[in-house]
Amino acid sequence: MQRHGVRAESAHFVLYGGRIPDDDKSRLGVTVSRRVGIAVIRNRIKRRVREVYRLKLRAMLPDPTALVVIARNGAGDLSSDLINRELEAAAQIVATRSQAASSR
């Protein structure tokens, strides 16, 4: 996915999006390293990312799209609202770039 998909960055997240051949489901992968914080913080970020994906991001992306979200340092200090805004903006970039790549 990282080689053939599209990439978008925000201040605290990196998103990779792409299509998996012969797959008809949208998927989400979340990575939060130990640098971001202790286990409680890392798990909170993962829960918030999954919730944003469930409520908003899945509908923004073309079906079927696999999305990988990587949290960067400082993501643990963000409120839910800021996480939502950053991920929505980055997902919009992924959606636009993936539609442009598929039309080529």
PDB file of N, CA and C in Angstrom:
ATOM      1  N   MET A   1       0.822  -1.180   0.000  1.00  0.00           N
ATOM      2  CA  MET A   1       0.000   0.000   0.000  1.00  0.00           C
ATOM      3  C   MET A   1       0.872   1.251   0.000  1.00  0.00           C
ATOM      4  N   GLN A   2       1.949   1.237   0.761  1.00  0.00           N
ATOM      5  CA  GLN A   2       2.775   2.419   0.837  1.00  0.00           C
ATOM      6  C   GLN A   2       3.467   2.707  -0.486  1.00  0.00           C
ATOM      7  N   ARG A   3       3.692   1.697  -1.274  1.00  0.00           N
ATOM      8  CA  ARG A   3       4.359   1.916  -2.559  1.00  0.00           C
ATOM      9  C   ARG A   3       3.385   2.279  -3.668  1.00  0.00           C
ATOM     10  N   HIS A   4       2.161   1.743  -3.625  1.00  0.00           N
ATOM     11  CA  HIS A   4       1.236   1.925  -4.735  1.00  0.00           C
ATOM     12  C   HIS A   4       0.025   2.784  -4.382  1.00  0.00           C
ATOM     13  N   GLY A   5      -0.162   3.087  -3.121  1.00  0.00           N
ATOM     14  CA  GLY A   5      -1.313   3.873  -2.699  1.00  0.00           C
ATOM     15  C   GLY A   5      -0.993   5.353  -2.677  1.00  0.00           C
ATOM     16  N   VAL A   6      -1.859   6.098  -2.044  1.00  0.00           N
ATOM     17  CA  VAL A   6      -1.665   7.531  -1.914  1.00  0.00           C
ATOM     18  C   VAL A   6      -1.402   7.860  -0.447  1.00  0.00           C
ATOM     19  N   ARG A   7      -0.721   8.974  -0.235  1.00  0.00           N
ATOM     20  CA  ARG A   7      -0.296   9.364   1.102  1.00  0.00           C
ATOM     21  C   ARG A   7      -0.752  10.774   1.389  1.00  0.00           C
ATOM     22  N   ALA A   8      -1.167  11.001   2.615  1.00  0.00           N
ATOM     23  CA  ALA A   8      -1.516  12.349   3.070  1.00  0.00           C
ATOM     24  C   ALA A   8      -1.011  12.499   4.497  1.00  0.00           C
ATOM     25  N   GLU A   9      -0.559  13.692   4.819  1.00  0.00           N
ATOM     26  CA  GLU A   9      -0.020  13.949   6.147  1.00  0.00           C
ATOM     27  C   GLU A   9      -0.748  15.103   6.797  1.00  0.00           C
ATOM     28  N   SER A  10      -0.837  15.035   8.112  1.00  0.00           N
ATOM     29  CA  SER A  10      -1.261  16.172   8.906  1.00  0.00           C
ATOM     30  C   SER A  10      -0.180  16.359   9.967  1.00  0.00           C
ATOM     31  N   ALA A  11      -0.400  17.259  10.881  1.00  0.00           N
ATOM     32  CA  ALA A  11       0.617  17.525  11.892  1.00  0.00           C
ATOM     33  C   ALA A  11       0.888  16.313  12.778  1.00  0.00           C
ATOM     34  N   HIS A  12      -0.130  15.507  13.040  1.00  0.00           N
ATOM     35  CA  HIS A  12       0.013  14.403  13.981  1.00  0.00           C
ATOM     36  C   HIS A  12      -0.303  13.030  13.400  1.00  0.00           C
ATOM     37  N   PHE A  13      -0.658  12.958  12.127  1.00  0.00           N
ATOM     38  CA  PHE A  13      -1.024  11.676  11.526  1.00  0.00           C
ATOM     39  C   PHE A  13      -0.495  11.573  10.101  1.00  0.00           C
ATOM     40  N   VAL A  14      -0.215  10.348   9.676  1.00  0.00           N
ATOM     41  CA  VAL A  14       0.105  10.028   8.285  1.00  0.00           C
ATOM     42  C   VAL A  14      -0.937   9.007   7.841  1.00  0.00           C
ATOM     43  N   LEU A  15      -1.555   9.234   6.681  1.00  0.00           N
ATOM     44  CA  LEU A  15      -2.562   8.323   6.156  1.00  0.00           C
ATOM     45  C   LEU A  15      -2.096   7.765   4.824  1.00  0.00           C
ATOM     46  N   TYR A  16      -2.236   6.459   4.670  1.00  0.00           N
ATOM     47  CA  TYR A  16      -2.003   5.786   3.399  1.00  0.00           C
ATOM     48  C   TYR A  16      -3.320   5.161   2.979  1.00  0.00           C
ATOM     49  N   GLY A  17      -3.705   5.373   1.737  1.00  0.00           N
ATOM     50  CA  GLY A  17      -4.931   4.787   1.229  1.00  0.00           C
ATOM     51  C   GLY A  17      -4.683   4.112  -0.093  1.00  0.00           C
ATOM     52  N   GLY A  18      -5.385   3.042  -0.332  1.00  0.00           N
ATOM     53  CA  GLY A  18      -5.247   2.333  -1.595  1.00  0.00           C
ATOM     54  C   GLY A  18      -6.249   1.211  -1.686  1.00  0.00           C
ATOM     55  N   ARG A  19      -6.241   0.582  -2.836  1.00  0.00           N
ATOM     56  CA  ARG A  19      -7.137  -0.545  -3.070  1.00  0.00           C
ATOM     57  C   ARG A  19      -6.348  -1.837  -3.013  1.00  0.00           C
ATOM     58  N   ILE A  20      -6.969  -2.833  -2.419  1.00  0.00           N
ATOM     59  CA  ILE A  20      -6.370  -4.159  -2.372  1.00  0.00           C
ATOM     60  C   ILE A  20      -7.045  -4.984  -3.462  1.00  0.00           C
ATOM     61  N   PRO A  21      -6.265  -5.567  -4.363  1.00  0.00           N
ATOM     62  CA  PRO A  21      -6.880  -6.348  -5.445  1.00  0.00           C
ATOM     63  C   PRO A  21      -7.740  -7.493  -4.908  1.00  0.00           C
ATOM     64  N   ASP A  22      -8.821  -7.751  -5.584  1.00  0.00           N
ATOM     65  CA  ASP A  22      -9.741  -8.852  -5.259  1.00  0.00           C
ATOM     66  C   ASP A  22     -10.313  -8.739  -3.845  1.00  0.00           C
ATOM     67  N   ASP A  23     -10.518  -7.523  -3.383  1.00  0.00           N
ATOM     68  CA  ASP A  23     -11.110  -7.329  -2.065  1.00  0.00           C
ATOM     69  C   ASP A  23     -12.295  -6.389  -2.220  1.00  0.00           C
ATOM     70  N   ASP A  24     -13.402  -6.700  -1.549  1.00  0.00           N
ATOM     71  CA  ASP A  24     -14.583  -5.877  -1.693  1.00  0.00           C
ATOM     72  C   ASP A  24     -14.957  -5.161  -0.401  1.00  0.00           C
ATOM     73  N   LYS A  25     -14.072  -5.166   0.595  1.00  0.00           N
ATOM     74  CA  LYS A  25     -14.345  -4.510   1.865  1.00  0.00           C
ATOM     75  C   LYS A  25     -13.399  -3.335   2.074  1.00  0.00           C
ATOM     76  N   SER A  26     -13.895  -2.316   2.726  1.00  0.00           N
ATOM     77  CA  SER A  26     -13.029  -1.235   3.189  1.00  0.00           C
ATOM     78  C   SER A  26     -12.403  -1.677   4.497  1.00  0.00           C
ATOM     79  N   ARG A  27     -11.148  -1.280   4.685  1.00  0.00           N
ATOM     80  CA  ARG A  27     -10.420  -1.728   5.870  1.00  0.00           C
ATOM     81  C   ARG A  27      -9.689  -0.565   6.510  1.00  0.00           C
ATOM     82  N   LEU A  28      -9.398  -0.701   7.788  1.00  0.00           N
ATOM     83  CA  LEU A  28      -8.664   0.304   8.538  1.00  0.00           C
ATOM     84  C   LEU A  28      -7.569  -0.369   9.339  1.00  0.00           C
ATOM     85  N   GLY A  29      -6.382   0.212   9.281  1.00  0.00           N
ATOM     86  CA  GLY A  29      -5.270  -0.214  10.119  1.00  0.00           C
ATOM     87  C   GLY A  29      -4.765   1.003  10.879  1.00  0.00           C
ATOM     88  N   VAL A  30      -4.489   0.838  12.156  1.00  0.00           N
ATOM     89  CA  VAL A  30      -4.030   1.946  12.985  1.00  0.00           C
ATOM     90  C   VAL A  30      -2.732   1.538  13.661  1.00  0.00           C
ATOM     91  N   THR A  31      -1.719   2.397  13.567  1.00  0.00           N
ATOM     92  CA  THR A  31      -0.440   2.152  14.205  1.00  0.00           C
ATOM     93  C   THR A  31      -0.109   3.327  15.112  1.00  0.00           C
ATOM     94  N   VAL A  32       0.176   3.018  16.373  1.00  0.00           N
ATOM     95  CA  VAL A  32       0.583   4.032  17.343  1.00  0.00           C
ATOM     96  C   VAL A  32       1.798   3.470  18.068  1.00  0.00           C
ATOM     97  N   SER A  33       2.953   4.089  17.877  1.00  0.00           N
ATOM     98  CA  SER A  33       4.171   3.560  18.489  1.00  0.00           C
ATOM     99  C   SER A  33       4.295   3.993  19.946  1.00  0.00           C
ATOM    100  N   ARG A  34       5.235   3.395  20.622  1.00  0.00           N
ATOM    101  CA  ARG A  34       5.444   3.706  22.033  1.00  0.00           C
ATOM    102  C   ARG A  34       5.955   5.120  22.250  1.00  0.00           C
ATOM    103  N   ARG A  35       6.496   5.720  21.220  1.00  0.00           N
ATOM    104  CA  ARG A  35       6.958   7.101  21.336  1.00  0.00           C
ATOM    105  C   ARG A  35       5.821   8.069  21.624  1.00  0.00           C
ATOM    106  N   VAL A  36       4.627   7.707  21.214  1.00  0.00           N
ATOM    107  CA  VAL A  36       3.469   8.591  21.373  1.00  0.00           C
ATOM    108  C   VAL A  36       3.053   8.696  22.831  1.00  0.00           C
ATOM    109  N   GLY A  37       3.202   7.626  23.600  1.00  0.00           N
ATOM    110  CA  GLY A  37       2.827   7.683  25.006  1.00  0.00           C
ATOM    111  C   GLY A  37       2.666   6.309  25.599  1.00  0.00           C
ATOM    112  N   ILE A  38       2.165   6.300  26.823  1.00  0.00           N
ATOM    113  CA  ILE A  38       1.957   5.034  27.513  1.00  0.00           C
ATOM    114  C   ILE A  38       0.764   4.303  26.896  1.00  0.00           C
ATOM    115  N   ALA A  39       0.543   3.079  27.320  1.00  0.00           N
ATOM    116  CA  ALA A  39      -0.481   2.223  26.707  1.00  0.00           C
ATOM    117  C   ALA A  39      -1.870   2.842  26.763  1.00  0.00           C
ATOM    118  N   VAL A  40      -2.196   3.506  27.853  1.00  0.00           N
ATOM    119  CA  VAL A  40      -3.513   4.120  27.975  1.00  0.00           C
ATOM    120  C   VAL A  40      -3.728   5.170  26.883  1.00  0.00           C
ATOM    121  N   ILE A  41      -2.715   5.977  26.636  1.00  0.00           N
ATOM    122  CA  ILE A  41      -2.807   7.028  25.611  1.00  0.00           C
ATOM    123  C   ILE A  41      -2.856   6.408  24.228  1.00  0.00           C
ATOM    124  N   ARG A  42      -2.001   5.414  23.967  1.00  0.00           N
ATOM    125  CA  ARG A  42      -1.997   4.770  22.651  1.00  0.00           C
ATOM    126  C   ARG A  42      -3.346   4.129  22.352  1.00  0.00           C
ATOM    127  N   ASN A  43      -3.936   3.451  23.319  1.00  0.00           N
ATOM    128  CA  ASN A  43      -5.236   2.815  23.106  1.00  0.00           C
ATOM    129  C   ASN A  43      -6.340   3.847  22.925  1.00  0.00           C
ATOM    130  N   ARG A  44      -6.261   4.966  23.621  1.00  0.00           N
ATOM    131  CA  ARG A  44      -7.252   6.037  23.453  1.00  0.00           C
ATOM    132  C   ARG A  44      -7.197   6.600  22.038  1.00  0.00           C
ATOM    133  N   ILE A  45      -5.997   6.805  21.530  1.00  0.00           N
ATOM    134  CA  ILE A  45      -5.857   7.307  20.155  1.00  0.00           C
ATOM    135  C   ILE A  45      -6.455   6.303  19.173  1.00  0.00           C
ATOM    136  N   LYS A  46      -6.168   5.024  19.352  1.00  0.00           N
ATOM    137  CA  LYS A  46      -6.709   4.003  18.442  1.00  0.00           C
ATOM    138  C   LYS A  46      -8.236   3.976  18.480  1.00  0.00           C
ATOM    139  N   ARG A  47      -8.811   4.070  19.670  1.00  0.00           N
ATOM    140  CA  ARG A  47     -10.280   4.096  19.771  1.00  0.00           C
ATOM    141  C   ARG A  47     -10.858   5.312  19.067  1.00  0.00           C
ATOM    142  N   ARG A  48     -10.238   6.458  19.241  1.00  0.00           N
ATOM    143  CA  ARG A  48     -10.744   7.683  18.609  1.00  0.00           C
ATOM    144  C   ARG A  48     -10.614   7.621  17.093  1.00  0.00           C
ATOM    145  N   VAL A  49      -9.518   7.071  16.602  1.00  0.00           N
ATOM    146  CA  VAL A  49      -9.332   6.938  15.149  1.00  0.00           C
ATOM    147  C   VAL A  49     -10.376   5.982  14.580  1.00  0.00           C
ATOM    148  N   ARG A  50     -10.607   4.851  15.238  1.00  0.00           N
ATOM    149  CA  ARG A  50     -11.623   3.904  14.758  1.00  0.00           C
ATOM    150  C   ARG A  50     -13.010   4.536  14.742  1.00  0.00           C
ATOM    151  N   GLU A  51     -13.312   5.356  15.747  1.00  0.00           N
ATOM    152  CA  GLU A  51     -14.621   5.999  15.812  1.00  0.00           C
ATOM    153  C   GLU A  51     -14.796   7.025  14.691  1.00  0.00           C
ATOM    154  N   VAL A  52     -13.775   7.812  14.426  1.00  0.00           N
ATOM    155  CA  VAL A  52     -13.847   8.777  13.324  1.00  0.00           C
ATOM    156  C   VAL A  52     -14.002   8.046  12.000  1.00  0.00           C
ATOM    157  N   TYR A  53     -13.284   6.944  11.845  1.00  0.00           N
ATOM    158  CA  TYR A  53     -13.403   6.161  10.621  1.00  0.00           C
ATOM    159  C   TYR A  53     -14.822   5.631  10.456  1.00  0.00           C
ATOM    160  N   ARG A  54     -15.371   5.095  11.523  1.00  0.00           N
ATOM    161  CA  ARG A  54     -16.717   4.522  11.466  1.00  0.00           C
ATOM    162  C   ARG A  54     -17.763   5.585  11.140  1.00  0.00           C
ATOM    163  N   LEU A  55     -17.643   6.751  11.748  1.00  0.00           N
ATOM    164  CA  LEU A  55     -18.667   7.787  11.590  1.00  0.00           C
ATOM    165  C   LEU A  55     -18.511   8.609  10.314  1.00  0.00           C
ATOM    166  N   LYS A  56     -17.274   8.911   9.891  1.00  0.00           N
ATOM    167  CA  LYS A  56     -17.095   9.870   8.800  1.00  0.00           C
ATOM    168  C   LYS A  56     -16.176   9.417   7.675  1.00  0.00           C
ATOM    169  N   LEU A  57     -15.017   8.892   8.020  1.00  0.00           N
ATOM    170  CA  LEU A  57     -14.003   8.662   6.994  1.00  0.00           C
ATOM    171  C   LEU A  57     -14.398   7.601   5.984  1.00  0.00           C
ATOM    172  N   ARG A  58     -15.033   6.528   6.425  1.00  0.00           N
ATOM    173  CA  ARG A  58     -15.415   5.449   5.511  1.00  0.00           C
ATOM    174  C   ARG A  58     -16.306   5.960   4.392  1.00  0.00           C
ATOM    175  N   ALA A  59     -17.212   6.881   4.727  1.00  0.00           N
ATOM    176  CA  ALA A  59     -18.118   7.438   3.714  1.00  0.00           C
ATOM    177  C   ALA A  59     -17.397   8.388   2.756  1.00  0.00           C
ATOM    178  N   MET A  60     -16.303   8.981   3.194  1.00  0.00           N
ATOM    179  CA  MET A  60     -15.567   9.918   2.355  1.00  0.00           C
ATOM    180  C   MET A  60     -14.740   9.219   1.279  1.00  0.00           C
ATOM    181  N   LEU A  61     -14.337   7.981   1.548  1.00  0.00           N
ATOM    182  CA  LEU A  61     -13.423   7.268   0.660  1.00  0.00           C
ATOM    183  C   LEU A  61     -14.196   6.380  -0.306  1.00  0.00           C
ATOM    184  N   PRO A  62     -13.668   6.200  -1.518  1.00  0.00           N
ATOM    185  CA  PRO A  62     -14.350   5.313  -2.471  1.00  0.00           C
ATOM    186  C   PRO A  62     -14.270   3.863  -1.997  1.00  0.00           C
ATOM    187  N   ASP A  63     -15.305   3.089  -2.308  1.00  0.00           N
ATOM    188  CA  ASP A  63     -15.335   1.678  -1.912  1.00  0.00           C
ATOM    189  C   ASP A  63     -14.581   0.843  -2.916  1.00  0.00           C
ATOM    190  N   PRO A  64     -13.920  -0.175  -2.574  1.00  0.00           N
ATOM    191  CA  PRO A  64     -13.353  -0.489  -1.274  1.00  0.00           C
ATOM    192  C   PRO A  64     -11.972   0.144  -1.146  1.00  0.00           C
ATOM    193  N   THR A  65     -11.689   0.787  -0.067  1.00  0.00           N
ATOM    194  CA  THR A  65     -10.401   1.424   0.183  1.00  0.00           C
ATOM    195  C   THR A  65      -9.828   0.910   1.484  1.00  0.00           C
ATOM    196  N   ALA A  66      -8.566   0.554   1.440  1.00  0.00           N
ATOM    197  CA  ALA A  66      -7.852   0.196   2.659  1.00  0.00           C
ATOM    198  C   ALA A  66      -7.130   1.456   3.138  1.00  0.00           C
ATOM    199  N   LEU A  67      -7.283   1.789   4.395  1.00  0.00           N
ATOM    200  CA  LEU A  67      -6.698   3.002   4.957  1.00  0.00           C
ATOM    201  C   LEU A  67      -5.812   2.616   6.131  1.00  0.00           C
ATOM    202  N   VAL A  68      -4.595   3.140   6.139  1.00  0.00           N
ATOM    203  CA  VAL A  68      -3.673   2.932   7.247  1.00  0.00           C
ATOM    204  C   VAL A  68      -3.413   4.291   7.873  1.00  0.00           C
ATOM    205  N   VAL A  69      -3.601   4.389   9.185  1.00  0.00           N
ATOM    206  CA  VAL A  69      -3.380   5.630   9.924  1.00  0.00           C
ATOM    207  C   VAL A  69      -2.214   5.399  10.875  1.00  0.00           C
ATOM    208  N   ILE A  70      -1.204   6.260  10.781  1.00  0.00           N
ATOM    209  CA  ILE A  70      -0.044   6.186  11.661  1.00  0.00           C
ATOM    210  C   ILE A  70      -0.034   7.455  12.498  1.00  0.00           C
ATOM    211  N   ALA A  71      -0.043   7.288  13.812  1.00  0.00           N
ATOM    212  CA  ALA A  71      -0.025   8.436  14.717  1.00  0.00           C
ATOM    213  C   ALA A  71       1.419   8.861  14.963  1.00  0.00           C
ATOM    214  N   ARG A  72       1.626  10.166  15.000  1.00  0.00           N
ATOM    215  CA  ARG A  72       2.947  10.733  15.276  1.00  0.00           C
ATOM    216  C   ARG A  72       3.000  11.268  16.705  1.00  0.00           C
ATOM    217  N   ASN A  73       4.197  11.672  17.111  1.00  0.00           N
ATOM    218  CA  ASN A  73       4.365  12.269  18.430  1.00  0.00           C
ATOM    219  C   ASN A  73       3.431  13.461  18.586  1.00  0.00           C
ATOM    220  N   GLY A  74       2.864  13.605  19.743  1.00  0.00           N
ATOM    221  CA  GLY A  74       1.951  14.704  20.026  1.00  0.00           C
ATOM    222  C   GLY A  74       0.501  14.372  19.808  1.00  0.00           C
ATOM    223  N   ALA A  75       0.211  13.265  19.166  1.00  0.00           N
ATOM    224  CA  ALA A  75      -1.180  12.886  18.909  1.00  0.00           C
ATOM    225  C   ALA A  75      -1.920  12.588  20.211  1.00  0.00           C
ATOM    226  N   GLY A  76      -1.205  12.154  21.221  1.00  0.00           N
ATOM    227  CA  GLY A  76      -1.827  11.847  22.495  1.00  0.00           C
ATOM    228  C   GLY A  76      -2.321  13.068  23.240  1.00  0.00           C
ATOM    229  N   ASP A  77      -1.828  14.238  22.888  1.00  0.00           N
ATOM    230  CA  ASP A  77      -2.228  15.480  23.553  1.00  0.00           C
ATOM    231  C   ASP A  77      -3.452  16.120  22.915  1.00  0.00           C
ATOM    232  N   LEU A  78      -3.918  15.576  21.796  1.00  0.00           N
ATOM    233  CA  LEU A  78      -5.027  16.187  21.063  1.00  0.00           C
ATOM    234  C   LEU A  78      -6.378  15.819  21.663  1.00  0.00           C
ATOM    235  N   SER A  79      -7.316  16.736  21.535  1.00  0.00           N
ATOM    236  CA  SER A  79      -8.695  16.439  21.917  1.00  0.00           C
ATOM    237  C   SER A  79      -9.353  15.651  20.785  1.00  0.00           C
ATOM    238  N   SER A  80     -10.498  15.084  21.075  1.00  0.00           N
ATOM    239  CA  SER A  80     -11.217  14.321  20.051  1.00  0.00           C
ATOM    240  C   SER A  80     -11.574  15.189  18.859  1.00  0.00           C
ATOM    241  N   ASP A  81     -11.952  16.422  19.108  1.00  0.00           N
ATOM    242  CA  ASP A  81     -12.322  17.332  18.025  1.00  0.00           C
ATOM    243  C   ASP A  81     -11.145  17.613  17.096  1.00  0.00           C
ATOM    244  N   LEU A  82      -9.965  17.830  17.653  1.00  0.00           N
ATOM    245  CA  LEU A  82      -8.789  18.076  16.823  1.00  0.00           C
ATOM    246  C   LEU A  82      -8.383  16.835  16.035  1.00  0.00           C
ATOM    247  N   ILE A  83      -8.513  15.661  16.661  1.00  0.00           N
ATOM    248  CA  ILE A  83      -8.230  14.418  15.939  1.00  0.00           C
ATOM    249  C   ILE A  83      -9.190  14.275  14.768  1.00  0.00           C
ATOM    250  N   ASN A  84     -10.467  14.543  15.007  1.00  0.00           N
ATOM    251  CA  ASN A  84     -11.465  14.463  13.935  1.00  0.00           C
ATOM    252  C   ASN A  84     -11.107  15.381  12.785  1.00  0.00           C
ATOM    253  N   ARG A  85     -10.790  16.637  13.096  1.00  0.00           N
ATOM    254  CA  ARG A  85     -10.492  17.605  12.033  1.00  0.00           C
ATOM    255  C   ARG A  85      -9.257  17.217  11.231  1.00  0.00           C
ATOM    256  N   GLU A  86      -8.200  16.793  11.921  1.00  0.00           N
ATOM    257  CA  GLU A  86      -6.978  16.409  11.205  1.00  0.00           C
ATOM    258  C   GLU A  86      -7.214  15.202  10.307  1.00  0.00           C
ATOM    259  N   LEU A  87      -7.910  14.200  10.832  1.00  0.00           N
ATOM    260  CA  LEU A  87      -8.142  12.999  10.035  1.00  0.00           C
ATOM    261  C   LEU A  87      -9.088  13.261   8.870  1.00  0.00           C
ATOM    262  N   GLU A  88     -10.101  14.085   9.063  1.00  0.00           N
ATOM    263  CA  GLU A  88     -11.022  14.404   7.965  1.00  0.00           C
ATOM    264  C   GLU A  88     -10.302  15.148   6.850  1.00  0.00           C
ATOM    265  N   ALA A  89      -9.446  16.104   7.210  1.00  0.00           N
ATOM    266  CA  ALA A  89      -8.709  16.853   6.186  1.00  0.00           C
ATOM    267  C   ALA A  89      -7.760  15.938   5.415  1.00  0.00           C
ATOM    268  N   ALA A  90      -7.050  15.074   6.125  1.00  0.00           N
ATOM    269  CA  ALA A  90      -6.127  14.161   5.458  1.00  0.00           C
ATOM    270  C   ALA A  90      -6.873  13.127   4.626  1.00  0.00           C
ATOM    271  N   ALA A  91      -8.015  12.647   5.113  1.00  0.00           N
ATOM    272  CA  ALA A  91      -8.798  11.672   4.351  1.00  0.00           C
ATOM    273  C   ALA A  91      -9.366  12.290   3.076  1.00  0.00           C
ATOM    274  N   GLN A  92      -9.699  13.560   3.130  1.00  0.00           N
ATOM    275  CA  GLN A  92     -10.177  14.240   1.922  1.00  0.00           C
ATOM    276  C   GLN A  92      -9.081  14.273   0.863  1.00  0.00           C
ATOM    277  N   ILE A  93      -7.842  14.494   1.283  1.00  0.00           N
ATOM    278  CA  ILE A  93      -6.712  14.477   0.354  1.00  0.00           C
ATOM    279  C   ILE A  93      -6.521  13.075  -0.216  1.00  0.00           C
ATOM    280  N   VAL A  94      -6.614  12.061   0.625  1.00  0.00           N
ATOM    281  CA  VAL A  94      -6.475  10.677   0.160  1.00  0.00           C
ATOM    282  C   VAL A  94      -7.569  10.357  -0.852  1.00  0.00           C
ATOM    283  N   ALA A  95      -8.806  10.761  -0.566  1.00  0.00           N
ATOM    284  CA  ALA A  95      -9.915  10.474  -1.479  1.00  0.00           C
ATOM    285  C   ALA A  95      -9.705  11.159  -2.829  1.00  0.00           C
ATOM    286  N   THR A  96      -9.281  12.409  -2.808  1.00  0.00           N
ATOM    287  CA  THR A  96      -9.069  13.152  -4.053  1.00  0.00           C
ATOM    288  C   THR A  96      -7.934  12.528  -4.862  1.00  0.00           C
ATOM    289  N   ARG A  97      -6.839  12.211  -4.196  1.00  0.00           N
ATOM    290  CA  ARG A  97      -5.697  11.633  -4.913  1.00  0.00           C
ATOM    291  C   ARG A  97      -6.002  10.233  -5.422  1.00  0.00           C
ATOM    292  N   SER A  98      -6.742   9.444  -4.668  1.00  0.00           N
ATOM    293  CA  SER A  98      -7.028   8.081  -5.126  1.00  0.00           C
ATOM    294  C   SER A  98      -7.988   8.098  -6.314  1.00  0.00           C
ATOM    295  N   GLN A  99      -8.928   9.038  -6.344  1.00  0.00           N
ATOM    296  CA  GLN A  99      -9.824   9.164  -7.506  1.00  0.00           C
ATOM    297  C   GLN A  99      -9.048   9.620  -8.731  1.00  0.00           C
ATOM    298  N   ALA A 100      -8.091  10.515  -8.541  1.00  0.00           N
ATOM    299  CA  ALA A 100      -7.269  10.972  -9.666  1.00  0.00           C
ATOM    300  C   ALA A 100      -6.385   9.840 -10.170  1.00  0.00           C
ATOM    301  N   ALA A 101      -5.856   9.024  -9.266  1.00  0.00           N
ATOM    302  CA  ALA A 101      -5.002   7.916  -9.669  1.00  0.00           C
ATOM    303  C   ALA A 101      -5.790   6.825 -10.374  1.00  0.00           C
ATOM    304  N   SER A 102      -7.035   6.603  -9.977  1.00  0.00           N
ATOM    305  CA  SER A 102      -7.831   5.557 -10.607  1.00  0.00           C
ATOM    306  C   SER A 102      -8.368   5.970 -11.973  1.00  0.00           C
ATOM    307  N   SER A 103      -8.424   7.282 -12.221  1.00  0.00           N
ATOM    308  CA  SER A 103      -8.924   7.740 -13.522  1.00  0.00           C
ATOM    309  C   SER A 103      -7.837   7.743 -14.585  1.00  0.00           C
ATOM    310  N   ARG A 104      -6.591   7.527 -14.181  1.00  0.00           N
ATOM    311  CA  ARG A 104      -5.488   7.496 -15.158  1.00  0.00           C
ATOM    312  C   ARG A 104      -5.451   6.225 -15.935  1.00  0.00           C
TER     313      ARG A 104
END
